[in-house]
Protein backbone atom coordinates (compact mmCIF):
# COMPACT_ATOMS: atom_id res chain seq x y z
CA MET A 1 35.95 -10.83 7.26
CA GLN A 2 34.16 -7.80 8.69
CA VAL A 3 30.69 -6.90 7.46
CA ASP A 4 29.53 -3.31 7.72
CA VAL A 5 25.88 -2.89 8.63
CA ILE A 6 24.00 0.14 7.43
CA ASP A 7 20.53 0.93 8.75
CA LEU A 8 18.10 2.57 6.37
CA GLU A 9 14.85 4.10 7.58
CA LEU A 10 12.06 6.21 6.19
CA SER A 11 11.47 9.56 7.80
CA ASP A 12 8.62 9.69 10.34
CA GLY A 13 6.64 11.93 7.98
CA VAL A 14 6.72 9.44 5.09
CA ALA A 15 3.50 7.53 4.42
CA VAL A 16 3.69 4.10 2.80
CA ASP A 17 0.73 3.96 0.46
CA ILE A 18 0.65 0.17 0.16
CA HIS A 19 -0.09 -0.08 3.89
CA GLU A 20 -2.88 2.50 3.57
CA SER A 21 -4.28 0.72 0.50
CA LYS A 22 -4.33 -2.66 2.23
CA ALA A 23 -6.04 -1.14 5.27
CA LEU A 24 -8.66 0.44 3.00
CA VAL A 25 -9.33 -2.84 1.21
CA HIS A 26 -9.70 -4.68 4.52
CA ARG A 27 -12.20 -2.06 5.75
CA LEU A 28 -14.18 -2.37 2.51
CA LEU A 29 -14.31 -6.17 2.79
CA ILE A 30 -15.79 -6.21 6.30
CA VAL A 31 -19.22 -7.81 6.05
CA ASP A 32 -22.15 -6.09 7.79
CA THR A 33 -20.33 -2.76 7.95
CA GLU A 34 -21.27 0.32 5.94
CA PRO A 35 -18.17 1.94 4.36
CA SER A 36 -17.44 5.50 5.40
CA ALA A 37 -17.72 8.36 2.93
CA ALA A 38 -13.92 8.72 2.99
CA ASP A 39 -13.46 5.05 2.08
CA MET A 40 -15.74 5.52 -0.94
CA SER A 41 -14.30 8.87 -2.05
CA ALA A 42 -12.70 9.54 -5.41
CA ALA A 43 -9.31 9.79 -3.67
CA ALA A 44 -9.72 6.32 -2.12
CA ILE A 45 -10.73 4.82 -5.45
CA ALA A 46 -7.74 6.49 -7.14
CA VAL A 47 -5.38 4.98 -4.56
CA LEU A 48 -6.71 1.48 -5.25
CA ALA A 49 -6.60 2.00 -9.02
CA SER A 50 -3.00 3.22 -9.17
CA ASP A 51 -0.15 0.90 -10.08
CA LEU A 52 2.24 -0.38 -7.44
CA LEU A 53 5.75 0.72 -8.43
CA PRO A 54 5.00 1.31 -12.11
CA ASP A 55 7.70 0.13 -14.53
CA TRP A 56 9.15 -2.26 -11.94
CA HIS A 57 9.03 -5.88 -13.05
CA ASP A 58 10.71 -7.69 -10.15
CA ASP A 59 8.88 -10.83 -9.05
CA TRP A 60 8.15 -9.49 -5.58
CA VAL A 61 6.55 -6.33 -7.01
CA ILE A 62 4.29 -8.34 -9.30
CA LEU A 63 3.21 -10.56 -6.39
CA GLU A 64 2.47 -7.56 -4.17
CA ALA A 65 0.51 -5.86 -6.95
CA GLU A 66 -1.61 -8.96 -7.46
CA ASP A 67 -2.24 -9.22 -3.72
């Protein structure tokens, strides 16, 4: 039995917002460090307030959203 392997990649110009959101949260949780103006901007708050994959109800999505 032969199995065909297909590689799937995102384009170099694609940003993955969950990675950016996690990095932002980690920066905000650093003790003894003043957050930057960009980290406290309306855009940063909107990123953290948005749903992860809205209307998806797979277990892994729910776990990631809770994380």
